[in-house]
Protein backbone atom coordinates (compact mmCIF):
# COMPACT_ATOMS: atom_id res chain seq x y z
CA MET A 1 18.21 -27.17 -1.40
CA PRO A 2 15.50 -25.26 -3.67
CA ALA A 3 12.29 -24.06 -1.65
CA PRO A 4 9.23 -25.97 -1.92
CA ASP A 5 7.03 -25.15 -4.14
CA LEU A 6 2.94 -24.68 -2.34
CA ARG A 7 1.09 -23.12 -5.56
CA LEU A 8 -2.20 -24.62 -5.98
CA LEU A 9 -2.28 -24.81 -10.09
CA PRO A 10 -0.34 -27.49 -10.93
CA ARG A 11 0.93 -26.74 -14.71
CA ALA A 12 -0.84 -29.65 -15.94
CA ALA A 13 -4.30 -30.22 -14.14
CA HIS A 14 -3.45 -33.95 -11.83
CA SER A 15 -5.56 -36.29 -13.71
CA THR A 16 -5.02 -38.77 -10.75
CA TYR A 17 -4.34 -39.14 -6.84
CA ASP A 18 -1.34 -41.18 -7.79
CA ALA A 19 -0.25 -38.05 -10.06
CA TYR A 20 -1.00 -35.56 -7.38
CA LEU A 21 1.56 -37.26 -4.84
CA ALA A 22 3.96 -37.68 -7.35
CA ALA A 23 3.91 -33.96 -8.01
CA VAL A 24 3.88 -33.20 -3.91
CA GLY A 25 5.25 -35.65 -2.18
CA ALA A 26 4.09 -37.68 0.93
CA SER A 27 0.23 -37.32 1.64
CA ALA A 28 -0.36 -34.21 3.83
CA VAL A 29 -3.19 -36.55 5.19
CA GLU A 30 -1.70 -39.36 6.72
CA LYS A 31 1.26 -36.75 7.96
CA ALA A 32 -1.45 -34.59 10.67
CA ARG A 33 -2.43 -37.65 11.43
CA LYS A 34 0.64 -38.48 13.39
CA LEU A 35 0.19 -34.89 14.91
CA ALA A 36 -1.74 -33.20 17.84
CA PRO A 37 -4.54 -31.18 16.63
CA GLU A 38 -2.33 -28.51 18.71
CA VAL A 39 0.57 -28.71 17.04
CA ILE A 40 -0.95 -28.12 13.53
CA LEU A 41 -2.92 -25.06 15.00
CA ARG A 42 0.37 -23.61 16.47
CA GLU A 43 1.56 -24.15 12.49
CA LEU A 44 -1.37 -22.88 10.67
CA ARG A 45 -2.35 -19.86 12.92
CA ALA A 46 1.94 -19.21 12.70
CA SER A 47 1.37 -19.60 8.92
CA GLY A 48 -0.95 -16.91 9.12
CA LEU A 49 -3.16 -17.82 6.45
CA ARG A 50 -6.34 -15.63 5.75
CA GLY A 51 -9.72 -17.13 3.89
CA ARG A 52 -9.86 -16.83 0.75
CA GLY A 53 -13.37 -16.87 0.20
CA GLY A 54 -14.42 -12.47 0.79
CA ALA A 55 -13.07 -11.63 4.17
CA GLY A 56 -9.96 -13.13 5.04
CA PHE A 57 -10.18 -13.95 8.20
CA PRO A 58 -7.37 -16.01 10.15
CA THR A 59 -7.95 -19.55 9.43
CA GLY A 60 -5.54 -20.67 12.47
CA THR A 61 -8.35 -18.43 14.52
CA LYS A 62 -11.59 -19.81 13.34
CA TRP A 63 -10.41 -23.64 13.41
CA THR A 64 -9.10 -23.49 16.97
CA SER A 65 -12.79 -22.19 17.87
CA VAL A 66 -14.63 -24.97 16.62
CA HIS A 67 -11.65 -27.11 18.04
CA ARG A 68 -11.90 -26.10 21.96
CA ASN A 69 -15.56 -25.76 21.72
CA PRO A 70 -16.74 -27.79 24.48
CA CYS A 71 -19.44 -29.63 22.74
CA PRO A 72 -18.16 -33.36 21.53
CA ILE A 73 -20.02 -33.45 17.57
CA ARG A 74 -18.46 -30.89 15.78
CA TYR A 75 -18.30 -30.69 11.43
CA VAL A 76 -16.23 -29.64 8.50
CA VAL A 77 -17.89 -28.08 5.82
CA VAL A 78 -16.38 -26.83 2.25
CA ASN A 79 -17.69 -24.05 0.98
CA ALA A 80 -17.67 -24.32 -2.65
CA ALA A 81 -21.19 -22.95 -3.50
CA GLU A 82 -18.80 -19.94 -5.44
CA GLY A 83 -21.36 -17.58 -7.16
CA GLU A 84 -19.54 -13.79 -6.51
CA PRO A 85 -19.81 -12.19 -9.83
CA GLY A 86 -16.58 -12.60 -11.45
CA THR A 87 -15.57 -15.27 -9.86
CA PHE A 88 -14.23 -18.80 -10.58
CA LYS A 89 -11.14 -19.27 -8.96
CA ASP A 90 -12.61 -22.24 -7.17
CA ARG A 91 -14.15 -24.16 -9.73
CA TRP A 92 -10.85 -24.22 -11.67
CA LEU A 93 -9.05 -25.28 -8.92
CA LEU A 94 -11.31 -28.16 -8.40
CA ARG A 95 -11.19 -28.72 -12.40
CA GLN A 96 -7.61 -28.69 -11.80
CA ASN A 97 -6.51 -30.15 -8.44
CA PRO A 98 -9.37 -31.24 -6.70
CA TYR A 99 -6.82 -33.51 -3.93
CA ALA A 100 -5.64 -30.19 -2.26
CA MET A 101 -8.99 -29.69 -0.96
CA LEU A 102 -10.05 -33.15 -0.35
CA GLU A 103 -6.64 -33.33 2.09
CA GLY A 104 -7.35 -29.70 3.43
CA MET A 105 -10.91 -31.06 4.43
CA LEU A 106 -9.72 -34.35 6.09
CA ILE A 107 -6.68 -32.19 8.27
CA ALA A 108 -9.52 -30.08 9.09
CA ALA A 109 -11.66 -33.09 10.53
CA HIS A 110 -8.91 -34.63 12.99
CA VAL A 111 -7.48 -31.66 14.18
CA VAL A 112 -11.57 -30.51 14.96
CA GLY A 113 -12.66 -34.39 15.62
CA ALA A 114 -14.93 -33.92 12.54
CA ARG A 115 -17.63 -37.15 12.95
CA ALA A 116 -18.57 -35.78 8.72
CA ALA A 117 -17.80 -33.28 6.36
CA TYR A 118 -19.93 -32.12 3.58
CA ILE A 119 -18.92 -30.65 0.32
CA ALA A 120 -21.18 -28.30 -0.61
CA MET A 121 -21.62 -26.70 -4.42
CA LYS A 122 -24.28 -25.55 -6.30
CA ARG A 123 -25.56 -28.58 -8.69
CA SER A 124 -24.71 -27.01 -11.74
CA PHE A 125 -21.50 -27.52 -11.58
CA THR A 126 -21.38 -30.25 -13.09
CA ARG A 127 -18.19 -30.56 -14.21
CA GLU A 128 -16.54 -29.38 -10.39
CA LEU A 129 -19.16 -32.53 -9.38
CA ASP A 130 -17.60 -35.16 -10.98
CA ARG A 131 -14.38 -34.43 -10.68
CA VAL A 132 -14.31 -34.46 -7.09
CA ARG A 133 -16.82 -37.81 -6.75
CA ARG A 134 -14.08 -39.27 -8.75
CA ALA A 135 -10.88 -38.28 -6.65
CA VAL A 136 -13.54 -39.23 -3.42
CA GLU A 137 -13.67 -42.60 -4.64
CA GLU A 138 -9.84 -42.28 -5.80
CA MET A 139 -8.69 -41.03 -2.03
CA THR A 140 -11.28 -43.47 -0.35
CA ALA A 141 -9.71 -47.04 -2.61
CA ALA A 142 -6.31 -45.60 -1.49
CA GLY A 143 -7.36 -45.65 2.18
CA ILE A 144 -7.08 -41.88 2.88
CA ILE A 145 -10.79 -41.61 3.25
CA ASP A 146 -12.03 -44.25 5.56
CA ALA A 147 -15.06 -45.15 8.29
CA ASP A 148 -13.59 -42.56 10.42
CA THR A 149 -14.99 -39.68 8.53
CA SER A 150 -17.80 -39.46 6.43
CA VAL A 151 -17.62 -37.60 3.05
CA GLN A 152 -20.83 -36.28 1.81
CA LEU A 153 -21.42 -33.78 -1.37
CA VAL A 154 -24.59 -31.50 -1.32
CA GLU A 155 -25.83 -30.37 -4.87
CA GLY A 156 -27.59 -26.90 -4.27
CA PRO A 157 -29.50 -24.14 -5.33
CA GLU A 158 -28.33 -21.47 -7.93
CA GLU A 159 -29.08 -18.50 -5.28
CA TYR A 160 -26.15 -16.59 -4.65
CA LEU A 161 -26.95 -16.41 -1.23
CA PHE A 162 -26.19 -20.09 -0.97
CA GLY A 163 -22.65 -19.07 -0.36
CA GLU A 164 -23.28 -16.86 2.18
CA GLU A 165 -22.04 -19.48 5.25
CA LYS A 166 -24.95 -19.98 7.23
CA ALA A 167 -27.07 -19.98 4.73
CA LEU A 168 -24.88 -23.28 3.13
CA LEU A 169 -25.58 -25.14 6.57
CA ASN A 170 -29.28 -24.84 6.10
CA VAL A 171 -29.10 -26.18 2.49
CA VAL A 172 -26.52 -29.12 3.90
CA GLU A 173 -29.93 -29.47 6.38
CA GLY A 174 -32.53 -30.33 3.45
CA SER A 175 -33.84 -26.58 3.64
CA GLU A 176 -33.93 -23.10 1.93
CA PRO A 177 -30.66 -21.17 1.23
CA LEU A 178 -32.24 -18.44 3.83
CA PRO A 179 -29.14 -16.81 6.18
CA ARG A 180 -29.45 -17.48 9.89
CA THR A 181 -29.56 -14.36 12.60
CA PRO A 182 -26.52 -13.23 12.97
CA ASP A 183 -25.48 -13.52 16.49
CA ASN A 184 -24.51 -17.81 15.66
CA PRO A 185 -22.14 -18.23 13.50
CA PRO A 186 -21.39 -21.27 12.15
CA TYR A 187 -18.42 -22.16 14.81
CA GLU A 188 -20.34 -21.65 17.62
CA VAL A 189 -24.25 -22.95 16.46
CA GLY A 190 -23.34 -25.54 13.06
CA LEU A 191 -25.58 -28.23 11.55
CA PHE A 192 -28.58 -30.19 13.09
CA ALA A 193 -27.92 -28.22 16.12
CA THR A 194 -30.25 -28.60 19.30
CA PRO A 195 -30.71 -26.44 22.52
CA SER A 196 -28.07 -28.77 24.00
CA SER A 197 -25.80 -29.53 21.52
CA PRO A 198 -24.97 -26.71 19.83
CA ASN A 199 -22.84 -28.45 17.11
CA PRO A 200 -20.34 -26.77 15.84
CA ALA A 201 -18.79 -26.31 11.76
CA LEU A 202 -15.91 -25.12 10.50
CA VAL A 203 -16.49 -23.81 7.58
CA ASN A 204 -13.76 -23.18 4.74
CA ASN A 205 -13.53 -22.22 0.78
CA VAL A 206 -12.13 -24.52 -1.71
CA GLU A 207 -9.21 -22.64 -1.69
CA THR A 208 -8.47 -21.48 1.59
CA MET A 209 -8.73 -25.31 2.31
CA SER A 210 -6.51 -26.32 -0.09
CA HIS A 211 -3.68 -24.12 1.20
CA VAL A 212 -3.64 -25.89 4.42
CA ALA A 213 -2.29 -29.06 2.66
CA GLY A 214 0.69 -27.61 1.63
CA ILE A 215 0.92 -25.52 5.14
CA VAL A 216 1.22 -29.10 7.23
CA ARG A 217 3.31 -30.49 3.99
CA HIS A 218 5.90 -28.06 3.88
CA GLY A 219 5.46 -25.67 6.76
CA ALA A 220 4.63 -22.30 7.79
CA ASP A 221 7.60 -20.58 6.82
CA ALA A 222 7.62 -21.71 3.16
CA PHE A 223 4.33 -20.64 3.11
CA ARG A 224 5.32 -17.16 4.50
CA ALA A 225 7.97 -17.37 1.84
CA ARG A 226 5.44 -16.06 -0.26
CA GLY A 227 3.19 -12.86 0.16
CA THR A 228 3.32 -10.26 2.05
CA ALA A 229 2.99 -10.35 6.30
CA ASP A 230 -0.21 -8.86 6.03
CA THR A 231 -1.70 -12.13 3.49
CA PRO A 232 0.75 -14.66 3.25
CA GLY A 233 0.91 -17.46 0.24
CA THR A 234 -0.82 -17.48 -3.19
CA LEU A 235 -3.58 -16.03 -4.23
CA LEU A 236 -5.70 -16.89 -7.36
CA VAL A 237 -7.49 -14.25 -8.90
CA THR A 238 -9.72 -14.59 -11.80
CA ILE A 239 -10.07 -11.76 -14.01
CA SER A 240 -12.87 -11.42 -16.83
CA GLY A 241 -14.57 -7.91 -18.02
CA ASP A 242 -13.28 -5.77 -20.79
CA VAL A 243 -9.98 -8.11 -20.70
CA ALA A 244 -7.76 -9.21 -23.79
CA ARG A 245 -7.24 -12.66 -21.66
CA PRO A 246 -9.53 -13.71 -19.34
CA GLY A 247 -9.27 -16.20 -16.54
CA VAL A 248 -7.90 -17.55 -13.51
CA TYR A 249 -4.23 -16.92 -12.16
CA GLU A 250 -2.58 -17.93 -9.26
CA VAL A 251 0.23 -15.36 -8.04
CA ASP A 252 1.93 -13.93 -4.88
CA ALA A 253 -0.55 -12.08 -2.75
CA GLY A 254 1.07 -8.79 -2.81
CA THR A 255 1.63 -8.95 -6.61
CA PRO A 256 0.16 -5.05 -8.01
CA LEU A 257 -3.09 -5.56 -9.84
CA ASP A 258 -1.62 -3.68 -12.96
CA GLU A 259 0.84 -6.62 -13.35
CA VAL A 260 -1.64 -9.22 -13.66
CA LEU A 261 -3.41 -7.17 -15.93
CA GLU A 262 -0.40 -6.73 -17.96
CA THR A 263 1.66 -10.08 -17.55
CA HIS A 264 -1.10 -12.35 -17.20
CA ALA A 265 -4.05 -10.89 -18.36
CA GLY A 266 -3.13 -9.21 -21.95
CA GLY A 267 -3.78 -5.81 -21.01
CA PRO A 268 -7.36 -3.59 -21.73
CA ARG A 269 -9.06 -4.37 -25.41
CA PRO A 270 -7.28 -3.35 -28.74
CA GLY A 271 -8.18 0.54 -28.07
CA ARG A 272 -9.21 1.04 -24.81
CA LYS A 273 -8.06 2.15 -21.70
CA PHE A 274 -9.33 1.20 -18.19
CA VAL A 275 -12.08 2.59 -16.44
CA LEU A 276 -12.34 0.68 -12.68
CA ALA A 277 -12.29 -3.16 -11.65
CA LEU A 278 -15.44 -4.21 -9.32
CA SER A 279 -14.43 -6.91 -7.29
CA GLY A 280 -16.93 -9.03 -7.29
CA VAL A 281 -20.76 -6.85 -5.84
CA SER A 282 -19.17 -7.04 -2.42
CA THR A 283 -16.76 -4.04 -2.13
CA ALA A 284 -16.72 -0.54 -3.96
CA PRO A 285 -14.77 -0.19 -7.18
CA LEU A 286 -11.05 0.56 -7.79
CA ALA A 287 -10.44 3.18 -10.46
CA ALA A 288 -8.15 2.70 -12.91
CA GLU A 289 -5.17 5.21 -11.55
CA ARG A 290 -5.03 2.81 -8.33
CA PHE A 291 -4.43 -0.63 -10.38
CA HIS A 292 -1.07 -0.18 -8.81
CA VAL A 293 -1.98 -1.46 -5.25
CA PRO A 294 -1.06 -4.70 -4.07
CA LEU A 295 -3.37 -7.38 -3.95
CA GLU A 296 -3.96 -7.53 -0.57
CA PHE A 297 -6.92 -7.67 2.51
CA GLY A 298 -5.01 -4.70 3.86
CA ALA A 299 -4.08 -2.77 1.23
CA LEU A 300 -7.39 -2.93 -1.03
CA GLN A 301 -8.95 -2.06 1.74
CA HIS A 302 -6.79 1.31 2.26
CA ALA A 303 -7.38 2.15 -1.16
CA GLY A 304 -11.17 2.17 -1.09
CA ALA A 305 -11.94 -1.37 -2.10
CA GLY A 306 -10.84 -4.67 -1.54
CA LEU A 307 -9.74 -7.63 -2.20
CA GLY A 308 -12.74 -9.86 -1.58
CA SER A 309 -12.80 -13.59 -3.29
CA ALA A 310 -10.45 -11.40 -5.89
CA GLY A 311 -12.40 -11.98 -8.88
CA PHE A 312 -11.79 -8.36 -10.42
CA VAL A 313 -14.19 -7.57 -13.33
CA LEU A 314 -12.64 -4.87 -15.72
CA VAL A 315 -14.86 -1.68 -16.97
CA ASP A 316 -13.26 -0.46 -20.34
CA ASP A 317 -14.29 3.13 -21.79
CA ALA A 318 -16.44 1.16 -23.83
CA ALA A 319 -19.16 0.53 -21.25
CA SER A 320 -21.19 3.19 -19.52
CA ILE A 321 -21.29 3.28 -16.15
CA PRO A 322 -24.85 4.09 -14.78
CA ARG A 323 -25.97 0.85 -16.39
CA VAL A 324 -23.10 -0.99 -14.74
CA ALA A 325 -24.70 0.63 -11.22
CA GLN A 326 -28.31 -1.08 -13.26
CA SER A 327 -26.46 -4.48 -13.27
CA VAL A 328 -25.45 -4.60 -10.29
CA ALA A 329 -28.33 -3.11 -7.97
CA ARG A 330 -30.81 -5.43 -9.96
CA PHE A 331 -28.59 -7.88 -8.71
CA LEU A 332 -28.44 -7.65 -5.55
CA TYR A 333 -32.07 -6.47 -5.16
CA VAL A 334 -33.10 -9.93 -7.20
CA GLU A 335 -30.75 -11.89 -4.67
CA SER A 336 -31.84 -10.15 -1.74
CA CYS A 337 -34.07 -13.28 0.26
CA ASN A 338 -36.72 -11.24 1.60
CA GLN A 339 -36.38 -12.14 5.24
CA CYS A 340 -34.70 -8.37 6.25
CA SER A 341 -37.78 -5.95 4.90
CA ALA A 342 -35.51 -3.33 4.46
CA CYS A 343 -32.71 -5.15 2.47
CA LYS A 344 -35.45 -5.58 -0.48
CA ALA A 345 -37.29 -2.39 0.41
CA GLY A 346 -34.39 -0.91 -0.65
CA LEU A 347 -32.44 -2.42 -2.66
CA ARG A 348 -35.66 -2.24 -4.99
CA LEU A 349 -36.51 1.46 -4.32
CA ALA A 350 -32.50 1.37 -5.95
CA SER A 351 -32.73 -1.05 -8.59
CA ARG A 352 -35.95 0.99 -9.85
CA ALA A 353 -34.82 4.14 -9.64
CA ILE A 354 -31.51 2.94 -11.58
CA ASP A 355 -34.14 1.52 -14.17
CA GLU A 356 -35.98 5.04 -14.80
CA ILE A 357 -32.85 6.92 -15.90
CA PHE A 358 -32.90 4.77 -18.99
CA ASP A 359 -36.73 5.44 -19.88
CA PRO A 360 -37.69 9.09 -21.45
CA ALA A 361 -41.00 8.56 -20.14
CA LEU A 362 -39.70 8.10 -16.09
CA ALA A 363 -36.45 9.84 -15.53
CA THR A 364 -36.44 13.06 -13.30
CA PRO A 365 -32.93 14.36 -12.11
CA ASP A 366 -33.83 12.91 -8.43
CA ASP A 367 -33.42 9.06 -9.60
CA PRO A 368 -29.91 9.15 -8.34
CA GLU A 369 -30.87 10.45 -5.04
CA ARG A 370 -33.51 8.03 -4.45
CA ALA A 371 -31.14 5.29 -5.70
CA LEU A 372 -28.98 6.62 -2.96
CA PHE A 373 -31.42 6.55 -0.58
CA GLY A 374 -32.18 2.99 -1.46
CA ALA A 375 -28.94 1.43 -0.81
CA ALA A 376 -27.69 3.20 2.35
CA SER A 377 -31.27 2.08 3.44
CA ALA A 378 -31.02 -1.10 2.82
CA PRO A 379 -28.95 -2.23 5.68
CA GLN A 380 -31.29 -2.45 8.86
CA GLY A 381 -30.64 -5.60 10.96
CA ASN A 382 -29.61 -7.73 8.52
CA ARG A 383 -28.46 -11.25 8.59
CA CYS A 384 -25.88 -11.28 6.10
CA TYR A 385 -23.51 -9.26 4.29
CA LEU A 386 -25.79 -8.62 0.62
CA PRO A 387 -27.01 -5.44 2.16
CA VAL A 388 -24.02 -3.88 3.19
CA GLN A 389 -22.95 -4.59 -0.06
CA GLY A 390 -25.71 -2.83 -2.24
CA SER A 391 -24.79 -0.28 0.73
CA ILE A 392 -20.99 0.26 -0.51
CA LEU A 393 -20.85 -0.69 -3.96
CA ILE A 394 -24.15 1.16 -6.04
CA PRO A 395 -23.56 4.47 -3.29
CA SER A 396 -19.68 4.96 -4.57
CA LEU A 397 -20.94 4.20 -8.31
CA LEU A 398 -23.46 6.93 -8.71
CA ARG A 399 -21.57 9.85 -6.53
CA ARG A 400 -18.10 8.65 -8.22
CA TYR A 401 -19.18 8.80 -11.79
CA ALA A 402 -21.64 11.32 -10.88
CA ALA A 403 -21.05 13.10 -14.36
CA ALA A 404 -22.20 10.51 -15.74
CA PHE A 405 -25.06 9.73 -13.95
CA SER A 406 -26.10 13.11 -14.35
CA ASP A 407 -25.35 12.96 -18.31
CA GLN A 408 -27.67 9.83 -18.75
CA VAL A 409 -30.64 11.69 -17.08
CA ALA A 410 -30.63 14.53 -19.15
CA HIS A 411 -30.35 12.10 -22.13
CA PRO A 412 -32.64 9.21 -20.93
CA SER A 413 -33.55 8.10 -24.78
CA ARG A 414 -29.76 7.44 -25.88
CA GLU A 415 -28.96 4.30 -26.87
CA THR A 416 -26.06 2.22 -24.16
CA ALA A 417 -25.68 -1.30 -24.09
CA PRO A 418 -27.09 -3.06 -20.71
CA TRP A 419 -23.89 -4.85 -19.21
CA PRO A 420 -24.66 -8.18 -18.82
CA ILE A 421 -23.77 -9.20 -15.00
CA PRO A 422 -20.43 -11.52 -14.72
CA LYS A 423 -21.86 -14.13 -13.19
CA LEU A 424 -19.04 -16.68 -14.93
CA VAL A 425 -20.39 -20.68 -15.25
CA ASP A 426 -18.05 -22.24 -17.81
CA TYR A 427 -14.51 -21.44 -19.12
CA ASP A 428 -13.16 -22.08 -22.23
CA GLU A 429 -9.11 -22.41 -22.02
CA THR A 430 -8.50 -22.57 -25.44
CA ALA A 431 -10.59 -19.37 -26.34
CA ARG A 432 -9.21 -17.80 -23.54
CA ALA A 433 -12.99 -16.86 -22.48
CA PHE A 434 -15.54 -16.71 -19.76
CA ARG A 435 -19.62 -17.77 -20.74
CA TYR A 436 -21.85 -15.74 -18.55
CA ASP A 437 -25.36 -17.06 -17.37
CA GLU A 438 -27.87 -15.78 -19.77
CA ARG A 439 -30.63 -17.04 -17.26
CA GLN A 440 -29.43 -14.87 -14.84
CA ALA A 441 -31.43 -11.45 -16.60
CA LEU A 442 -34.45 -13.62 -16.43
CA LYS A 443 -34.05 -13.69 -12.90
CA GLN A 444 -37.19 -12.46 -11.05
CA PRO A 445 -37.15 -10.94 -7.22
CA ASP A 446 -38.70 -14.05 -5.88
CA TRP A 447 -36.57 -16.56 -7.03
CA THR A 448 -38.29 -17.52 -10.19
CA TYR A 449 -37.27 -17.19 -13.80
CA ARG A 450 -39.86 -15.83 -16.72
CA GLU A 451 -39.78 -16.86 -19.88
CA PRO A 452 -37.74 -15.19 -22.33
CA SER A 453 -40.53 -14.29 -24.61
CA ALA A 454 -42.73 -12.50 -21.72
CA PRO A 455 -42.43 -9.19 -21.30
CA ALA A 456 -41.33 -9.03 -17.68
CA PRO A 457 -43.74 -7.85 -14.77
CA LYS A 458 -44.23 -4.67 -13.71
CA ARG A 459 -45.30 -6.25 -9.73
CA GLU A 460 -43.55 -9.18 -8.29
CA ALA A 461 -46.13 -10.87 -6.25
CA PRO A 462 -45.40 -10.79 -2.52
CA ARG A 463 -43.93 -13.81 -0.79
CA PRO A 464 -46.24 -14.77 2.77
CA ARG A 465 -44.08 -12.87 5.86
CA ALA A 466 -45.09 -11.85 9.14
CA ALA A 467 -44.77 -7.86 9.48
CA VAL A 468 -41.43 -6.06 10.03
CA ALA A 469 -41.33 -2.79 11.27
CA VAL A 470 -37.99 -0.51 9.55
CA ARG A 471 -36.60 2.25 11.52
CA LEU A 472 -37.20 5.73 9.19
CA ALA A 473 -36.90 9.60 9.99
CA PRO A 474 -40.15 10.65 11.69
CA ASP A 475 -40.74 13.28 9.28
CA LEU A 476 -40.24 10.51 6.60
CA ALA A 477 -42.69 7.88 7.85
CA ALA A 478 -45.32 10.91 8.19
CA ARG A 479 -45.41 11.10 4.69
CA LEU A 480 -45.31 7.59 3.84
CA HIS A 481 -48.12 7.12 6.13
CA GLU A 482 -50.16 10.18 4.18
CA ALA A 483 -48.87 8.61 0.76
CA ALA A 484 -50.41 5.14 1.87
CA GLU A 485 -53.73 6.72 2.88
CA SER A 486 -53.96 8.08 -0.75
CA SER A 487 -55.52 6.18 -3.85
CA GLY A 488 -55.32 5.77 -7.47
CA LEU A 489 -51.52 4.68 -8.08
CA GLU A 490 -49.45 1.45 -7.23
CA LEU A 491 -48.39 1.43 -3.25
CA ASP A 492 -44.53 1.88 -5.07
CA ARG A 493 -45.95 5.22 -7.05
CA GLN A 494 -47.24 5.95 -4.12
CA VAL A 495 -44.09 5.85 -1.66
CA ASP A 496 -41.91 7.15 -4.20
CA ALA A 497 -43.80 10.70 -4.91
CA ALA A 498 -43.79 10.68 -0.95
CA LEU A 499 -40.17 9.73 -1.05
CA ARG A 500 -38.73 12.62 -3.46
CA GLU A 501 -41.24 14.98 -1.46
CA TRP A 502 -39.13 14.53 1.56
CA LEU A 503 -36.23 14.31 -0.02
CA ALA A 504 -36.59 17.69 -2.08
CA ALA A 505 -37.79 19.55 1.04
CA ARG A 506 -34.49 18.01 3.04
CA GLY A 507 -32.05 19.55 0.21
CA SER A 508 -29.35 17.56 0.96
CA LYS A 509 -28.44 13.55 0.28
CA PRO A 510 -29.00 10.91 2.75
């Protein structure tokens, strides 16, 4: 008897719920509802399924935590707010097969005893929203979605932090996409919580939730038949950037990246060679000589990079690495929410210092060192992972490709093409091409957008906020205090000057 196929992407998009059932067999939801939650949890833990949103947290462990929470009010939330640069797999999966996600979500509601399930995605995802709404209507008409479980779609803003699970819960509650304090994860303090009722929420992304249906339908062993011991199952891999055939490809976890690039994505563009790959903006880059690494969480971490959400942006030898760093640093600076002052200040310093190496009037030899300092200083009591991302990715580019930065500082007037951040907004399957968000370049640090014809402002108006303290070395704090008392310069320039003196006096990198 042939092994069951637990792949998520069909050869052709499932046009209806009936077509989906004809392809996969009996309803996984109906099967799950006949089983005790503990039985499903055992199978889920045995499957080894790890979250496909980036962290790779064991799914069975997360579900068990919510199931065992003594609070009787619980929720299920699907994170469909995909916004990591270079990632499109959740949206592509929803276009091709929204039913697996909905089945996984309904199984989760049964297991944890949720009173409601929410699917949160950006309001700009119009095709995906329409596809999911139609699928919900079909499954409601079929009686799979019934009155016992409320299913609601939540349309959210464009901000990168909407995809952070605590910020996502705030949006579901009708608030802004601002991360909550880190000591209250969603599986402990969830939706509409009160001091006496924490209302835990089970949050998984689209791909993770979609895998659950196959595990319930065919069992843990069938899921483990693909992939590796570290990362069982298949992966949806987005390949974009300087590559012949960009797209979303489903492969067994553990498949080497170079095999995916050659077999599926067609290798580099004619006459070019790969230099590095970025896994979104959350991990260190992977150098081309390490593309043989298996695509699994452990192997990529051991290689000094990370799997993230398996969205790989390829950079070839025609690109300027300093321009890549400039684009990444500005994206993280702009998308920082400014709740944690050190994050916004550190990433602002890193972004502006890298900008200066392309300006003959401002470029100085210490620009890369100041960028290093700013990025390294960003994580201080942070509510989310964004400043940590900056402290990993920006310094890794600056250090690994130090010669390219030194050369750019020495020749700041040399023209190099800007590198657009690959915030993917659509995919043309016929042309095999992604479309980037052109408005991202117009986004300002306060999350507003400037007009295309207007010059970029030199300074952004600070948002009102409570006073905060940022830890600094005592001697640096003294220099900054002295600079603050001087006059005739913008505060940012005063701080830059004091920081330059301090770095020079230390004689070493941060």
